[in-house]
Amino acid sequence: MNFLAHLYLSDNNEPLMVGNFIADHLKGNDWKSLPEGIMSGVKVHRFIDHFTDTHPVVEQSKVLLRPYFHKYTPVISDIFYDHFLAAEWDKYSNQPIDEYARYVYQLMHKNYQFLPARTKEMLVYMENDNWLKNYATLNGMHRALSGMGRRAKFDNNMNQAAEFLYDNYELFEKHFKEFFPELESAVKKEISTQT
């Protein structure tokens, strides 16, 4: 799952949200010097990643993507799933997505001292282009994926990923709807052991 899902699955617990948001940019044991609540968020992030990466429905999505996007398949799959969460946000939250996005950006600035350098760099792009809100539209997806493609270290065709989603929309949506309730349930249980 990508940023929006990691944040949403943190159950509005701010330290968990921060840890869940920064986890991919932490090196080695860096996370072990963070405040306890943020460390719990890092652990929840890793739980979400493992659950997602080993789930058979997610693998079905990756099988479709792999011939076209190769090593970037897991990233694109995660972003596609964030799209479906954003597109139907009102089914998951009473807070409008633009308000939620502003709240997240403010939360990250409030906890700026705990953000790794790479998260700080990424936050600039994320906030300027409002990724969290714009994941809801195919245009927003295209902008986010194209931007990631330009910043990626290796050759890729991420700029074509939004079109691929459009062409296979119903199938990816079906995968998301099968998978996400299972993930939500598993994360709730995991959080109860972390807090």
N, C-alpha and C. Protein backbone atom coordinates (compact mmCIF):
# COMPACT_ATOMS: atom_id res chain seq x y z
N MET A 1 0.84 -1.18 0.00
CA MET A 1 0.00 0.00 0.00
C MET A 1 0.88 1.25 0.00
N ASN A 2 0.32 2.35 -0.47
CA ASN A 2 1.09 3.58 -0.55
C ASN A 2 0.69 4.54 0.57
N PHE A 3 1.11 5.79 0.47
CA PHE A 3 1.02 6.73 1.60
C PHE A 3 -0.38 6.88 2.16
N LEU A 4 -1.38 7.06 1.31
CA LEU A 4 -2.73 7.31 1.81
C LEU A 4 -3.22 6.12 2.65
N ALA A 5 -3.02 4.93 2.16
CA ALA A 5 -3.46 3.74 2.90
C ALA A 5 -2.70 3.60 4.21
N HIS A 6 -1.39 3.80 4.19
CA HIS A 6 -0.62 3.70 5.43
C HIS A 6 -1.12 4.70 6.47
N LEU A 7 -1.42 5.91 6.02
CA LEU A 7 -1.93 6.92 6.94
C LEU A 7 -3.32 6.54 7.46
N TYR A 8 -4.20 6.19 6.56
CA TYR A 8 -5.57 5.83 6.94
C TYR A 8 -5.59 4.65 7.91
N LEU A 9 -4.75 3.67 7.67
CA LEU A 9 -4.72 2.47 8.51
C LEU A 9 -4.11 2.71 9.88
N SER A 10 -3.59 3.91 10.12
CA SER A 10 -3.02 4.26 11.42
C SER A 10 -4.08 4.66 12.44
N ASP A 11 -5.35 4.61 12.04
CA ASP A 11 -6.47 4.77 12.97
C ASP A 11 -6.46 6.13 13.68
N ASN A 12 -6.07 7.18 12.94
CA ASN A 12 -6.04 8.56 13.47
C ASN A 12 -5.16 8.72 14.72
N ASN A 13 -4.23 7.81 14.91
CA ASN A 13 -3.26 7.91 16.00
C ASN A 13 -2.04 8.65 15.43
N GLU A 14 -1.81 9.88 15.87
CA GLU A 14 -0.81 10.72 15.21
C GLU A 14 0.61 10.15 15.22
N PRO A 15 1.12 9.65 16.37
CA PRO A 15 2.47 9.07 16.32
C PRO A 15 2.54 7.87 15.36
N LEU A 16 1.48 7.04 15.35
CA LEU A 16 1.45 5.91 14.40
C LEU A 16 1.48 6.42 12.97
N MET A 17 0.74 7.50 12.70
CA MET A 17 0.71 8.07 11.35
C MET A 17 2.09 8.53 10.92
N VAL A 18 2.80 9.20 11.82
CA VAL A 18 4.14 9.69 11.48
C VAL A 18 5.07 8.52 11.20
N GLY A 19 5.09 7.52 12.07
CA GLY A 19 5.96 6.36 11.87
C GLY A 19 5.61 5.61 10.60
N ASN A 20 4.34 5.46 10.34
CA ASN A 20 3.87 4.76 9.15
C ASN A 20 4.27 5.51 7.89
N PHE A 21 4.28 6.86 7.98
CA PHE A 21 4.60 7.71 6.84
C PHE A 21 6.09 7.69 6.51
N ILE A 22 6.94 7.65 7.52
CA ILE A 22 8.39 7.80 7.29
C ILE A 22 9.13 6.47 7.14
N ALA A 23 8.48 5.36 7.41
CA ALA A 23 9.17 4.06 7.55
C ALA A 23 10.03 3.69 6.35
N ASP A 24 9.57 3.94 5.14
CA ASP A 24 10.34 3.53 3.95
C ASP A 24 11.67 4.27 3.82
N HIS A 25 11.80 5.41 4.49
CA HIS A 25 13.01 6.21 4.34
C HIS A 25 13.98 6.07 5.51
N LEU A 26 13.69 5.16 6.42
CA LEU A 26 14.58 4.93 7.55
C LEU A 26 15.62 3.87 7.21
N LYS A 27 16.84 4.11 7.62
CA LYS A 27 17.94 3.17 7.35
C LYS A 27 18.28 2.39 8.60
N GLY A 28 18.56 1.12 8.42
CA GLY A 28 19.05 0.28 9.51
C GLY A 28 18.23 0.39 10.77
N ASN A 29 18.92 0.74 11.87
CA ASN A 29 18.27 0.85 13.17
C ASN A 29 17.91 2.28 13.54
N ASP A 30 17.92 3.20 12.54
CA ASP A 30 17.60 4.61 12.82
C ASP A 30 16.29 4.76 13.58
N TRP A 31 15.33 3.92 13.26
CA TRP A 31 13.99 4.05 13.83
C TRP A 31 13.97 3.77 15.33
N LYS A 32 14.99 3.07 15.84
CA LYS A 32 14.98 2.69 17.25
C LYS A 32 15.29 3.85 18.19
N SER A 33 15.68 5.00 17.64
CA SER A 33 15.91 6.19 18.48
C SER A 33 14.71 7.14 18.46
N LEU A 34 13.66 6.76 17.75
CA LEU A 34 12.47 7.60 17.66
C LEU A 34 11.59 7.42 18.89
N PRO A 35 10.68 8.38 19.16
CA PRO A 35 9.73 8.20 20.26
C PRO A 35 8.93 6.91 20.08
N GLU A 36 8.49 6.35 21.19
CA GLU A 36 7.86 5.03 21.19
C GLU A 36 6.66 4.93 20.24
N GLY A 37 5.78 5.94 20.24
CA GLY A 37 4.60 5.90 19.37
C GLY A 37 4.97 5.87 17.90
N ILE A 38 6.00 6.63 17.53
CA ILE A 38 6.45 6.65 16.13
C ILE A 38 7.10 5.32 15.78
N MET A 39 7.86 4.74 16.72
CA MET A 39 8.43 3.40 16.47
C MET A 39 7.32 2.39 16.21
N SER A 40 6.23 2.49 16.96
CA SER A 40 5.09 1.59 16.74
C SER A 40 4.55 1.76 15.33
N GLY A 41 4.51 3.02 14.85
CA GLY A 41 4.06 3.28 13.48
C GLY A 41 4.95 2.63 12.45
N VAL A 42 6.26 2.62 12.70
CA VAL A 42 7.20 1.96 11.78
C VAL A 42 6.90 0.46 11.74
N LYS A 43 6.65 -0.12 12.91
CA LYS A 43 6.34 -1.56 12.97
C LYS A 43 5.03 -1.87 12.24
N VAL A 44 4.03 -1.01 12.41
CA VAL A 44 2.76 -1.21 11.72
C VAL A 44 2.96 -1.09 10.21
N HIS A 45 3.78 -0.13 9.79
CA HIS A 45 4.09 0.02 8.35
C HIS A 45 4.69 -1.27 7.80
N ARG A 46 5.61 -1.84 8.52
CA ARG A 46 6.27 -3.07 8.05
C ARG A 46 5.29 -4.24 8.03
N PHE A 47 4.39 -4.26 8.99
CA PHE A 47 3.34 -5.29 8.99
C PHE A 47 2.47 -5.14 7.74
N ILE A 48 2.05 -3.92 7.45
CA ILE A 48 1.21 -3.66 6.26
C ILE A 48 1.93 -4.10 4.99
N ASP A 49 3.20 -3.73 4.88
CA ASP A 49 3.97 -4.10 3.68
C ASP A 49 4.07 -5.61 3.52
N HIS A 50 4.35 -6.29 4.62
CA HIS A 50 4.49 -7.76 4.54
C HIS A 50 3.15 -8.40 4.17
N PHE A 51 2.09 -7.96 4.81
CA PHE A 51 0.76 -8.51 4.54
C PHE A 51 0.41 -8.29 3.07
N THR A 52 0.68 -7.08 2.57
CA THR A 52 0.36 -6.73 1.17
C THR A 52 1.22 -7.53 0.20
N ASP A 53 2.51 -7.56 0.45
CA ASP A 53 3.45 -8.21 -0.49
C ASP A 53 3.24 -9.71 -0.60
N THR A 54 2.62 -10.31 0.40
CA THR A 54 2.44 -11.77 0.39
C THR A 54 0.99 -12.18 0.13
N HIS A 55 0.14 -11.22 -0.18
CA HIS A 55 -1.28 -11.54 -0.35
C HIS A 55 -1.56 -12.01 -1.78
N PRO A 56 -2.30 -13.11 -1.95
CA PRO A 56 -2.53 -13.66 -3.30
C PRO A 56 -3.32 -12.73 -4.23
N VAL A 57 -4.21 -11.90 -3.69
CA VAL A 57 -4.96 -10.98 -4.55
C VAL A 57 -4.04 -9.89 -5.09
N VAL A 58 -3.17 -9.38 -4.25
CA VAL A 58 -2.20 -8.37 -4.69
C VAL A 58 -1.28 -8.97 -5.75
N GLU A 59 -0.92 -10.21 -5.58
CA GLU A 59 -0.08 -10.88 -6.58
C GLU A 59 -0.77 -10.94 -7.94
N GLN A 60 -2.09 -11.07 -7.94
CA GLN A 60 -2.83 -11.06 -9.21
C GLN A 60 -2.66 -9.71 -9.92
N SER A 61 -2.70 -8.64 -9.16
CA SER A 61 -2.47 -7.31 -9.73
C SER A 61 -1.05 -7.20 -10.29
N LYS A 62 -0.10 -7.72 -9.54
CA LYS A 62 1.30 -7.63 -9.97
C LYS A 62 1.56 -8.45 -11.23
N VAL A 63 0.89 -9.58 -11.36
CA VAL A 63 1.04 -10.41 -12.56
C VAL A 63 0.63 -9.61 -13.80
N LEU A 64 -0.42 -8.81 -13.67
CA LEU A 64 -0.86 -7.98 -14.80
C LEU A 64 0.16 -6.88 -15.12
N LEU A 65 0.75 -6.32 -14.09
CA LEU A 65 1.65 -5.17 -14.26
C LEU A 65 3.07 -5.54 -14.67
N ARG A 66 3.55 -6.68 -14.19
CA ARG A 66 4.97 -7.03 -14.32
C ARG A 66 5.52 -6.99 -15.75
N PRO A 67 4.80 -7.50 -16.76
CA PRO A 67 5.37 -7.48 -18.12
C PRO A 67 5.63 -6.07 -18.65
N TYR A 68 4.93 -5.07 -18.11
CA TYR A 68 5.05 -3.70 -18.61
C TYR A 68 5.92 -2.81 -17.73
N PHE A 69 5.93 -3.09 -16.42
CA PHE A 69 6.58 -2.16 -15.49
C PHE A 69 7.71 -2.79 -14.68
N HIS A 70 7.95 -4.07 -14.87
CA HIS A 70 9.12 -4.78 -14.33
C HIS A 70 9.36 -4.47 -12.85
N LYS A 71 10.53 -3.93 -12.52
CA LYS A 71 10.91 -3.76 -11.12
C LYS A 71 10.04 -2.73 -10.39
N TYR A 72 9.32 -1.89 -11.13
CA TYR A 72 8.47 -0.88 -10.51
C TYR A 72 7.04 -1.38 -10.25
N THR A 73 6.81 -2.64 -10.57
CA THR A 73 5.47 -3.24 -10.39
C THR A 73 4.92 -3.07 -8.98
N PRO A 74 5.67 -3.39 -7.91
CA PRO A 74 5.10 -3.25 -6.57
C PRO A 74 4.71 -1.81 -6.23
N VAL A 75 5.52 -0.84 -6.67
CA VAL A 75 5.23 0.57 -6.40
C VAL A 75 3.94 0.97 -7.11
N ILE A 76 3.81 0.59 -8.37
CA ILE A 76 2.63 0.96 -9.15
C ILE A 76 1.38 0.29 -8.59
N SER A 77 1.49 -0.96 -8.22
CA SER A 77 0.36 -1.66 -7.60
C SER A 77 -0.09 -0.93 -6.34
N ASP A 78 0.84 -0.53 -5.49
CA ASP A 78 0.51 0.19 -4.26
C ASP A 78 -0.21 1.50 -4.57
N ILE A 79 0.27 2.23 -5.56
CA ILE A 79 -0.34 3.51 -5.91
C ILE A 79 -1.73 3.30 -6.51
N PHE A 80 -1.90 2.26 -7.32
CA PHE A 80 -3.23 1.95 -7.85
C PHE A 80 -4.22 1.72 -6.70
N TYR A 81 -3.80 0.98 -5.69
CA TYR A 81 -4.69 0.70 -4.58
C TYR A 81 -5.01 1.97 -3.80
N ASP A 82 -4.03 2.87 -3.67
CA ASP A 82 -4.30 4.16 -3.04
C ASP A 82 -5.34 4.94 -3.85
N HIS A 83 -5.30 4.81 -5.17
CA HIS A 83 -6.29 5.49 -6.01
C HIS A 83 -7.70 5.06 -5.63
N PHE A 84 -7.91 3.76 -5.48
CA PHE A 84 -9.26 3.28 -5.16
C PHE A 84 -9.70 3.73 -3.77
N LEU A 85 -8.76 3.80 -2.84
CA LEU A 85 -9.07 4.31 -1.51
C LEU A 85 -9.46 5.79 -1.60
N ALA A 86 -8.69 6.57 -2.34
CA ALA A 86 -8.96 8.01 -2.48
C ALA A 86 -10.26 8.25 -3.24
N ALA A 87 -10.49 7.47 -4.29
CA ALA A 87 -11.66 7.68 -5.15
C ALA A 87 -12.97 7.43 -4.39
N GLU A 88 -12.93 6.57 -3.38
CA GLU A 88 -14.14 6.28 -2.59
C GLU A 88 -13.93 6.66 -1.12
N TRP A 89 -13.16 7.70 -0.91
CA TRP A 89 -12.76 8.12 0.42
C TRP A 89 -13.94 8.31 1.36
N ASP A 90 -15.07 8.84 0.83
CA ASP A 90 -16.22 9.11 1.70
C ASP A 90 -16.83 7.84 2.28
N LYS A 91 -16.47 6.67 1.74
CA LYS A 91 -16.92 5.40 2.33
C LYS A 91 -16.05 5.00 3.52
N TYR A 92 -14.88 5.60 3.62
CA TYR A 92 -13.92 5.23 4.66
C TYR A 92 -13.79 6.27 5.77
N SER A 93 -14.11 7.52 5.45
CA SER A 93 -13.90 8.60 6.42
C SER A 93 -15.01 9.64 6.31
N ASN A 94 -15.35 10.24 7.45
CA ASN A 94 -16.31 11.34 7.46
C ASN A 94 -15.64 12.67 7.13
N GLN A 95 -14.31 12.69 7.15
CA GLN A 95 -13.56 13.91 6.86
C GLN A 95 -13.27 13.97 5.37
N PRO A 96 -13.67 15.04 4.68
CA PRO A 96 -13.38 15.14 3.24
C PRO A 96 -11.88 14.98 2.97
N ILE A 97 -11.57 14.43 1.82
CA ILE A 97 -10.17 14.08 1.55
C ILE A 97 -9.26 15.31 1.48
N ASP A 98 -9.78 16.44 1.00
CA ASP A 98 -8.91 17.62 0.96
C ASP A 98 -8.57 18.11 2.36
N GLU A 99 -9.53 18.01 3.29
CA GLU A 99 -9.26 18.36 4.70
C GLU A 99 -8.27 17.37 5.31
N TYR A 100 -8.47 16.10 5.03
CA TYR A 100 -7.58 15.06 5.57
C TYR A 100 -6.15 15.28 5.07
N ALA A 101 -6.02 15.59 3.79
CA ALA A 101 -4.68 15.83 3.21
C ALA A 101 -4.00 17.01 3.91
N ARG A 102 -4.74 18.11 4.11
CA ARG A 102 -4.16 19.27 4.79
C ARG A 102 -3.72 18.91 6.21
N TYR A 103 -4.57 18.13 6.89
CA TYR A 103 -4.26 17.68 8.25
C TYR A 103 -2.96 16.86 8.26
N VAL A 104 -2.80 15.96 7.29
CA VAL A 104 -1.59 15.12 7.22
C VAL A 104 -0.36 15.99 7.00
N TYR A 105 -0.43 16.94 6.05
CA TYR A 105 0.73 17.79 5.78
C TYR A 105 1.09 18.61 7.02
N GLN A 106 0.09 19.14 7.73
CA GLN A 106 0.35 19.89 8.96
C GLN A 106 0.99 18.99 10.02
N LEU A 107 0.48 17.76 10.12
CA LEU A 107 1.02 16.80 11.09
C LEU A 107 2.50 16.52 10.80
N MET A 108 2.85 16.36 9.54
CA MET A 108 4.24 16.08 9.20
C MET A 108 5.14 17.28 9.48
N HIS A 109 4.64 18.48 9.26
CA HIS A 109 5.43 19.68 9.59
C HIS A 109 5.59 19.81 11.10
N LYS A 110 4.56 19.45 11.84
CA LYS A 110 4.62 19.50 13.31
C LYS A 110 5.67 18.51 13.84
N ASN A 111 5.89 17.42 13.11
CA ASN A 111 6.85 16.38 13.51
C ASN A 111 8.09 16.38 12.61
N TYR A 112 8.39 17.53 12.04
CA TYR A 112 9.46 17.64 11.03
C TYR A 112 10.80 17.13 11.53
N GLN A 113 11.06 17.33 12.82
CA GLN A 113 12.35 16.90 13.39
C GLN A 113 12.56 15.39 13.29
N PHE A 114 11.47 14.63 13.17
CA PHE A 114 11.58 13.17 13.11
C PHE A 114 11.62 12.63 11.67
N LEU A 115 11.42 13.51 10.69
CA LEU A 115 11.38 13.04 9.30
C LEU A 115 12.78 12.84 8.76
N PRO A 116 13.06 11.69 8.14
CA PRO A 116 14.34 11.50 7.46
C PRO A 116 14.48 12.49 6.29
N ALA A 117 15.71 12.74 5.87
CA ALA A 117 15.97 13.70 4.80
C ALA A 117 15.16 13.39 3.54
N ARG A 118 15.08 12.11 3.17
CA ARG A 118 14.35 11.75 1.94
C ARG A 118 12.85 12.03 2.09
N THR A 119 12.30 11.85 3.28
CA THR A 119 10.89 12.16 3.51
C THR A 119 10.66 13.66 3.37
N LYS A 120 11.58 14.46 3.92
CA LYS A 120 11.45 15.92 3.82
C LYS A 120 11.46 16.36 2.36
N GLU A 121 12.36 15.78 1.56
CA GLU A 121 12.41 16.11 0.13
C GLU A 121 11.10 15.73 -0.56
N MET A 122 10.62 14.53 -0.29
CA MET A 122 9.41 14.03 -0.94
C MET A 122 8.18 14.84 -0.52
N LEU A 123 8.15 15.26 0.74
CA LEU A 123 7.00 15.99 1.26
C LEU A 123 6.76 17.27 0.46
N VAL A 124 7.83 17.89 -0.01
CA VAL A 124 7.70 19.11 -0.83
C VAL A 124 6.87 18.81 -2.07
N TYR A 125 7.24 17.75 -2.80
CA TYR A 125 6.50 17.37 -4.01
C TYR A 125 5.07 16.94 -3.66
N MET A 126 4.95 16.15 -2.62
CA MET A 126 3.65 15.62 -2.23
C MET A 126 2.67 16.74 -1.89
N GLU A 127 3.16 17.71 -1.12
CA GLU A 127 2.29 18.81 -0.69
C GLU A 127 1.98 19.74 -1.86
N ASN A 128 3.00 20.08 -2.64
CA ASN A 128 2.79 21.00 -3.77
C ASN A 128 1.77 20.45 -4.77
N ASP A 129 1.86 19.15 -5.03
CA ASP A 129 0.94 18.53 -6.01
C ASP A 129 -0.25 17.84 -5.33
N ASN A 130 -0.32 17.93 -4.03
CA ASN A 130 -1.38 17.34 -3.21
C ASN A 130 -1.68 15.90 -3.63
N TRP A 131 -0.66 15.06 -3.56
CA TRP A 131 -0.80 13.67 -3.97
C TRP A 131 -1.97 12.99 -3.29
N LEU A 132 -2.11 13.20 -1.98
CA LEU A 132 -3.12 12.45 -1.23
C LEU A 132 -4.52 12.70 -1.77
N LYS A 133 -4.82 13.95 -2.11
CA LYS A 133 -6.13 14.26 -2.69
C LYS A 133 -6.19 13.83 -4.15
N ASN A 134 -5.13 14.11 -4.88
CA ASN A 134 -5.16 13.91 -6.33
C ASN A 134 -5.03 12.45 -6.76
N TYR A 135 -4.67 11.56 -5.83
CA TYR A 135 -4.72 10.12 -6.13
C TYR A 135 -6.13 9.70 -6.57
N ALA A 136 -7.14 10.49 -6.19
CA ALA A 136 -8.54 10.12 -6.47
C ALA A 136 -8.89 10.19 -7.95
N THR A 137 -8.12 10.93 -8.74
CA THR A 137 -8.43 11.08 -10.16
C THR A 137 -7.35 10.44 -11.02
N LEU A 138 -7.73 10.01 -12.20
CA LEU A 138 -6.73 9.43 -13.12
C LEU A 138 -5.73 10.49 -13.56
N ASN A 139 -6.16 11.75 -13.69
CA ASN A 139 -5.23 12.83 -14.02
C ASN A 139 -4.19 13.01 -12.92
N GLY A 140 -4.68 13.00 -11.68
CA GLY A 140 -3.77 13.12 -10.54
C GLY A 140 -2.82 11.95 -10.46
N MET A 141 -3.33 10.77 -10.76
CA MET A 141 -2.48 9.57 -10.78
C MET A 141 -1.39 9.72 -11.85
N HIS A 142 -1.79 10.21 -13.01
CA HIS A 142 -0.82 10.38 -14.10
C HIS A 142 0.30 11.34 -13.68
N ARG A 143 -0.08 12.46 -13.05
CA ARG A 143 0.93 13.43 -12.62
C ARG A 143 1.87 12.81 -11.59
N ALA A 144 1.29 12.11 -10.60
CA ALA A 144 2.12 11.51 -9.54
C ALA A 144 3.06 10.44 -10.10
N LEU A 145 2.53 9.57 -10.93
CA LEU A 145 3.35 8.48 -11.49
C LEU A 145 4.40 8.99 -12.46
N SER A 146 4.04 9.99 -13.26
CA SER A 146 5.01 10.57 -14.19
C SER A 146 6.14 11.25 -13.43
N GLY A 147 5.78 11.97 -12.37
CA GLY A 147 6.80 12.62 -11.54
C GLY A 147 7.72 11.61 -10.90
N MET A 148 7.15 10.53 -10.39
CA MET A 148 7.99 9.47 -9.80
C MET A 148 8.89 8.86 -10.85
N GLY A 149 8.35 8.66 -12.04
CA GLY A 149 9.15 8.09 -13.13
C GLY A 149 10.34 8.97 -13.47
N ARG A 150 10.14 10.29 -13.47
CA ARG A 150 11.24 11.21 -13.78
C ARG A 150 12.31 11.18 -12.69
N ARG A 151 11.89 10.97 -11.44
CA ARG A 151 12.85 10.97 -10.33
C ARG A 151 13.49 9.60 -10.08
N ALA A 152 12.96 8.57 -10.71
CA ALA A 152 13.48 7.20 -10.47
C ALA A 152 14.89 7.06 -11.04
N LYS A 153 15.65 6.16 -10.42
CA LYS A 153 17.06 5.97 -10.82
C LYS A 153 17.19 5.21 -12.14
N PHE A 154 16.23 4.35 -12.45
CA PHE A 154 16.34 3.48 -13.61
C PHE A 154 15.30 3.84 -14.66
N ASP A 155 15.58 3.44 -15.90
CA ASP A 155 14.60 3.65 -16.97
C ASP A 155 13.29 2.97 -16.60
N ASN A 156 12.21 3.63 -16.94
CA ASN A 156 10.89 3.08 -16.61
C ASN A 156 9.86 3.71 -17.53
N ASN A 157 8.67 3.15 -17.50
CA ASN A 157 7.58 3.75 -18.27
C ASN A 157 6.39 4.05 -17.35
N MET A 158 6.72 4.57 -16.17
CA MET A 158 5.67 4.89 -15.19
C MET A 158 4.70 5.93 -15.72
N ASN A 159 5.14 6.74 -16.69
CA ASN A 159 4.24 7.74 -17.26
C ASN A 159 3.08 7.09 -18.02
N GLN A 160 3.16 5.79 -18.28
CA GLN A 160 2.07 5.08 -18.96
C GLN A 160 1.18 4.29 -17.99
N ALA A 161 1.51 4.35 -16.70
CA ALA A 161 0.80 3.51 -15.72
C ALA A 161 -0.65 3.93 -15.53
N ALA A 162 -0.94 5.23 -15.53
CA ALA A 162 -2.33 5.67 -15.34
C ALA A 162 -3.20 5.20 -16.50
N GLU A 163 -2.65 5.22 -17.70
CA GLU A 163 -3.40 4.71 -18.86
C GLU A 163 -3.64 3.21 -18.72
N PHE A 164 -2.66 2.49 -18.20
CA PHE A 164 -2.81 1.05 -17.97
C PHE A 164 -3.92 0.80 -16.94
N LEU A 165 -3.97 1.63 -15.91
CA LEU A 165 -5.05 1.52 -14.93
C LEU A 165 -6.40 1.76 -15.60
N TYR A 166 -6.48 2.79 -16.41
CA TYR A 166 -7.73 3.11 -17.12
C TYR A 166 -8.20 1.92 -17.96
N ASP A 167 -7.26 1.30 -18.67
CA ASP A 167 -7.60 0.18 -19.56
C ASP A 167 -8.02 -1.08 -18.81
N ASN A 168 -7.60 -1.20 -17.55
CA ASN A 168 -7.88 -2.41 -16.75
C ASN A 168 -8.58 -2.07 -15.45
N TYR A 169 -9.35 -1.00 -15.47
CA TYR A 169 -9.88 -0.40 -14.24
C TYR A 169 -10.71 -1.37 -13.41
N GLU A 170 -11.66 -2.03 -14.04
CA GLU A 170 -12.58 -2.88 -13.28
C GLU A 170 -11.86 -4.04 -12.59
N LEU A 171 -10.84 -4.56 -13.25
CA LEU A 171 -10.11 -5.69 -12.67
C LEU A 171 -9.29 -5.25 -11.45
N PHE A 172 -8.58 -4.12 -11.57
CA PHE A 172 -7.82 -3.64 -10.42
C PHE A 172 -8.75 -3.22 -9.28
N GLU A 173 -9.89 -2.63 -9.62
CA GLU A 173 -10.86 -2.26 -8.58
C GLU A 173 -11.38 -3.50 -7.85
N LYS A 174 -11.64 -4.55 -8.59
CA LYS A 174 -12.08 -5.82 -7.99
C LYS A 174 -11.02 -6.35 -7.03
N HIS A 175 -9.76 -6.32 -7.46
CA HIS A 175 -8.66 -6.77 -6.59
C HIS A 175 -8.63 -5.95 -5.30
N PHE A 176 -8.71 -4.63 -5.44
CA PHE A 176 -8.67 -3.76 -4.27
C PHE A 176 -9.82 -4.09 -3.31
N LYS A 177 -11.01 -4.24 -3.84
CA LYS A 177 -12.18 -4.48 -2.98
C LYS A 177 -12.14 -5.85 -2.31
N GLU A 178 -11.47 -6.79 -2.91
CA GLU A 178 -11.28 -8.10 -2.26
C GLU A 178 -10.23 -8.01 -1.16
N PHE A 179 -9.19 -7.27 -1.44
CA PHE A 179 -8.03 -7.25 -0.56
C PHE A 179 -8.17 -6.31 0.64
N PHE A 180 -8.66 -5.09 0.40
CA PHE A 180 -8.55 -4.04 1.42
C PHE A 180 -9.27 -4.35 2.72
N PRO A 181 -10.48 -4.93 2.69
CA PRO A 181 -11.12 -5.26 3.98
C PRO A 181 -10.30 -6.26 4.80
N GLU A 182 -9.64 -7.18 4.13
CA GLU A 182 -8.78 -8.14 4.86
C GLU A 182 -7.60 -7.41 5.49
N LEU A 183 -7.01 -6.48 4.74
CA LEU A 183 -5.90 -5.71 5.28
C LEU A 183 -6.36 -4.87 6.47
N GLU A 184 -7.48 -4.18 6.34
CA GLU A 184 -8.01 -3.36 7.46
C GLU A 184 -8.15 -4.19 8.73
N SER A 185 -8.76 -5.36 8.59
CA SER A 185 -8.99 -6.22 9.74
C SER A 185 -7.67 -6.68 10.37
N ALA A 186 -6.71 -7.07 9.54
CA ALA A 186 -5.42 -7.55 10.04
C ALA A 186 -4.66 -6.42 10.75
N VAL A 187 -4.73 -5.20 10.20
CA VAL A 187 -3.99 -4.07 10.79
C VAL A 187 -4.61 -3.68 12.12
N LYS A 188 -5.94 -3.71 12.22
CA LYS A 188 -6.58 -3.38 13.51
C LYS A 188 -6.07 -4.32 14.60
N LYS A 189 -5.96 -5.59 14.28
CA LYS A 189 -5.44 -6.56 15.26
C LYS A 189 -3.98 -6.25 15.59
N GLU A 190 -3.19 -5.94 14.58
CA GLU A 190 -1.78 -5.62 14.80
C GLU A 190 -1.61 -4.38 15.67
N ILE A 191 -2.40 -3.34 15.41
CA ILE A 191 -2.30 -2.11 16.19
C ILE A 191 -2.64 -2.38 17.66
N SER A 192 -3.61 -3.24 17.89
CA SER A 192 -3.98 -3.54 19.28
C SER A 192 -2.82 -4.19 20.04
N THR A 193 -1.90 -4.82 19.33
CA THR A 193 -0.72 -5.40 20.01
C THR A 193 0.41 -4.38 20.17
N GLN A 194 0.36 -3.28 19.36
CA GLN A 194 1.43 -2.28 19.37
C GLN A 194 1.18 -1.17 20.39
N THR A 195 -0.12 -0.94 20.70
CA THR A 195 -0.43 0.24 21.54
C THR A 195 -1.02 -0.18 22.88
